[in-house]
Amino acid sequence: MNAVLGLWAAYWAAIFAQLAHLRGQEDGVGAVAFARIAGLLLAAGLGLFLSAHAG
């Protein structure tokens, strides 16, 4: 189950990273917030994925 949640979090991290990239190209408003959310989701996803494979 943790592996699935990890992959799900990585998917949403990619979505937020793309939003941050697009916001940065337009006017930059909210780009940092989207990038931080993407980083947090990626870290959470990696942690869940690794914990699923460690146990």
N, C-alpha and C. Protein backbone atom coordinates (compact mmCIF):
# COMPACT_ATOMS: atom_id res chain seq x y z
N MET A 1 0.82 -1.19 0.00
CA MET A 1 0.00 0.00 0.00
C MET A 1 0.87 1.26 0.00
N ASN A 2 1.99 1.21 0.75
CA ASN A 2 2.87 2.38 0.79
C ASN A 2 3.49 2.67 -0.56
N ALA A 3 3.76 1.63 -1.33
CA ALA A 3 4.33 1.84 -2.66
C ALA A 3 3.34 2.57 -3.56
N VAL A 4 2.08 2.20 -3.46
CA VAL A 4 1.05 2.87 -4.26
C VAL A 4 0.91 4.32 -3.84
N LEU A 5 0.91 4.58 -2.54
CA LEU A 5 0.83 5.96 -2.06
C LEU A 5 2.06 6.76 -2.47
N GLY A 6 3.21 6.11 -2.48
CA GLY A 6 4.44 6.78 -2.91
C GLY A 6 4.38 7.18 -4.37
N LEU A 7 3.89 6.27 -5.21
CA LEU A 7 3.76 6.59 -6.63
C LEU A 7 2.70 7.66 -6.86
N TRP A 8 1.63 7.62 -6.09
CA TRP A 8 0.58 8.63 -6.19
C TRP A 8 1.13 10.01 -5.82
N ALA A 9 1.92 10.08 -4.76
CA ALA A 9 2.52 11.35 -4.34
C ALA A 9 3.51 11.85 -5.39
N ALA A 10 4.27 10.95 -6.00
CA ALA A 10 5.21 11.35 -7.05
C ALA A 10 4.47 11.88 -8.27
N TYR A 11 3.33 11.29 -8.59
CA TYR A 11 2.50 11.78 -9.70
C TYR A 11 2.06 13.22 -9.45
N TRP A 12 1.55 13.48 -8.25
CA TRP A 12 1.09 14.83 -7.94
C TRP A 12 2.26 15.80 -7.83
N ALA A 13 3.43 15.33 -7.42
CA ALA A 13 4.61 16.18 -7.40
C ALA A 13 4.95 16.63 -8.81
N ALA A 14 4.84 15.73 -9.77
CA ALA A 14 5.11 16.10 -11.17
C ALA A 14 4.10 17.12 -11.67
N ILE A 15 2.84 16.97 -11.29
CA ILE A 15 1.80 17.93 -11.68
C ILE A 15 2.13 19.31 -11.12
N PHE A 16 2.46 19.39 -9.83
CA PHE A 16 2.76 20.67 -9.22
C PHE A 16 4.06 21.26 -9.76
N ALA A 17 5.03 20.42 -10.10
CA ALA A 17 6.26 20.94 -10.71
C ALA A 17 5.97 21.55 -12.07
N GLN A 18 5.10 20.93 -12.84
CA GLN A 18 4.72 21.49 -14.14
C GLN A 18 3.98 22.81 -13.96
N LEU A 19 3.09 22.88 -12.97
CA LEU A 19 2.39 24.14 -12.69
C LEU A 19 3.37 25.23 -12.28
N ALA A 20 4.37 24.88 -11.47
CA ALA A 20 5.37 25.87 -11.06
C ALA A 20 6.15 26.36 -12.28
N HIS A 21 6.48 25.46 -13.17
CA HIS A 21 7.21 25.85 -14.39
C HIS A 21 6.37 26.79 -15.25
N LEU A 22 5.10 26.45 -15.44
CA LEU A 22 4.23 27.30 -16.26
C LEU A 22 3.98 28.65 -15.61
N ARG A 23 3.79 28.67 -14.27
CA ARG A 23 3.59 29.95 -13.58
C ARG A 23 4.84 30.81 -13.67
N GLY A 24 6.00 30.18 -13.62
CA GLY A 24 7.25 30.92 -13.74
C GLY A 24 7.42 31.54 -15.11
N GLN A 25 6.91 30.89 -16.13
CA GLN A 25 7.01 31.44 -17.48
C GLN A 25 6.03 32.59 -17.69
N GLU A 26 4.86 32.53 -17.06
CA GLU A 26 3.85 33.57 -17.25
C GLU A 26 4.22 34.84 -16.49
N ASP A 27 3.92 34.84 -15.20
CA ASP A 27 4.18 36.05 -14.42
C ASP A 27 4.93 35.77 -13.12
N GLY A 28 5.14 34.51 -12.82
CA GLY A 28 5.91 34.15 -11.63
C GLY A 28 5.13 34.09 -10.34
N VAL A 29 3.86 34.53 -10.37
CA VAL A 29 3.06 34.54 -9.15
C VAL A 29 2.70 33.11 -8.78
N GLY A 30 3.06 32.71 -7.59
CA GLY A 30 2.74 31.37 -7.11
C GLY A 30 3.73 30.30 -7.52
N ALA A 31 4.73 30.64 -8.30
CA ALA A 31 5.67 29.62 -8.78
C ALA A 31 6.44 29.00 -7.62
N VAL A 32 6.86 29.80 -6.67
CA VAL A 32 7.63 29.28 -5.53
C VAL A 32 6.76 28.37 -4.68
N ALA A 33 5.51 28.75 -4.48
CA ALA A 33 4.61 27.92 -3.67
C ALA A 33 4.38 26.57 -4.34
N PHE A 34 4.15 26.58 -5.65
CA PHE A 34 3.94 25.32 -6.36
C PHE A 34 5.21 24.47 -6.33
N ALA A 35 6.37 25.09 -6.43
CA ALA A 35 7.63 24.35 -6.38
C ALA A 35 7.83 23.72 -5.00
N ARG A 36 7.47 24.44 -3.95
CA ARG A 36 7.61 23.89 -2.59
C ARG A 36 6.67 22.72 -2.37
N ILE A 37 5.43 22.86 -2.85
CA ILE A 37 4.47 21.76 -2.73
C ILE A 37 4.98 20.53 -3.48
N ALA A 38 5.52 20.76 -4.68
CA ALA A 38 6.06 19.65 -5.47
C ALA A 38 7.20 18.96 -4.73
N GLY A 39 8.08 19.75 -4.13
CA GLY A 39 9.20 19.17 -3.38
C GLY A 39 8.74 18.37 -2.18
N LEU A 40 7.75 18.88 -1.46
CA LEU A 40 7.23 18.15 -0.30
C LEU A 40 6.56 16.85 -0.72
N LEU A 41 5.77 16.91 -1.79
CA LEU A 41 5.12 15.70 -2.27
C LEU A 41 6.14 14.67 -2.76
N LEU A 42 7.18 15.15 -3.42
CA LEU A 42 8.20 14.23 -3.90
C LEU A 42 8.94 13.57 -2.74
N ALA A 43 9.24 14.35 -1.71
CA ALA A 43 9.91 13.79 -0.53
C ALA A 43 9.01 12.78 0.18
N ALA A 44 7.73 13.11 0.31
CA ALA A 44 6.79 12.18 0.95
C ALA A 44 6.64 10.91 0.12
N GLY A 45 6.55 11.08 -1.19
CA GLY A 45 6.42 9.92 -2.07
C GLY A 45 7.63 9.02 -2.01
N LEU A 46 8.80 9.62 -1.99
CA LEU A 46 10.04 8.83 -1.90
C LEU A 46 10.10 8.08 -0.58
N GLY A 47 9.73 8.75 0.50
CA GLY A 47 9.72 8.10 1.80
C GLY A 47 8.77 6.92 1.87
N LEU A 48 7.56 7.11 1.34
CA LEU A 48 6.59 6.02 1.33
C LEU A 48 7.05 4.86 0.45
N PHE A 49 7.60 5.20 -0.70
CA PHE A 49 8.05 4.16 -1.62
C PHE A 49 9.20 3.35 -1.02
N LEU A 50 10.15 4.04 -0.40
CA LEU A 50 11.28 3.34 0.21
C LEU A 50 10.86 2.52 1.43
N SER A 51 9.93 3.04 2.21
CA SER A 51 9.47 2.28 3.37
C SER A 51 8.72 1.03 2.95
N ALA A 52 8.06 1.08 1.80
CA ALA A 52 7.35 -0.10 1.32
C ALA A 52 8.33 -1.18 0.89
N HIS A 53 9.46 -0.78 0.34
CA HIS A 53 10.43 -1.75 -0.15
C HIS A 53 11.42 -2.18 0.93
N ALA A 54 11.50 -1.44 2.02
CA ALA A 54 12.41 -1.81 3.10
C ALA A 54 11.78 -2.86 4.02
N GLY A 55 10.47 -2.86 4.09
CA GLY A 55 9.81 -3.76 5.04
C GLY A 55 9.27 -4.96 4.46
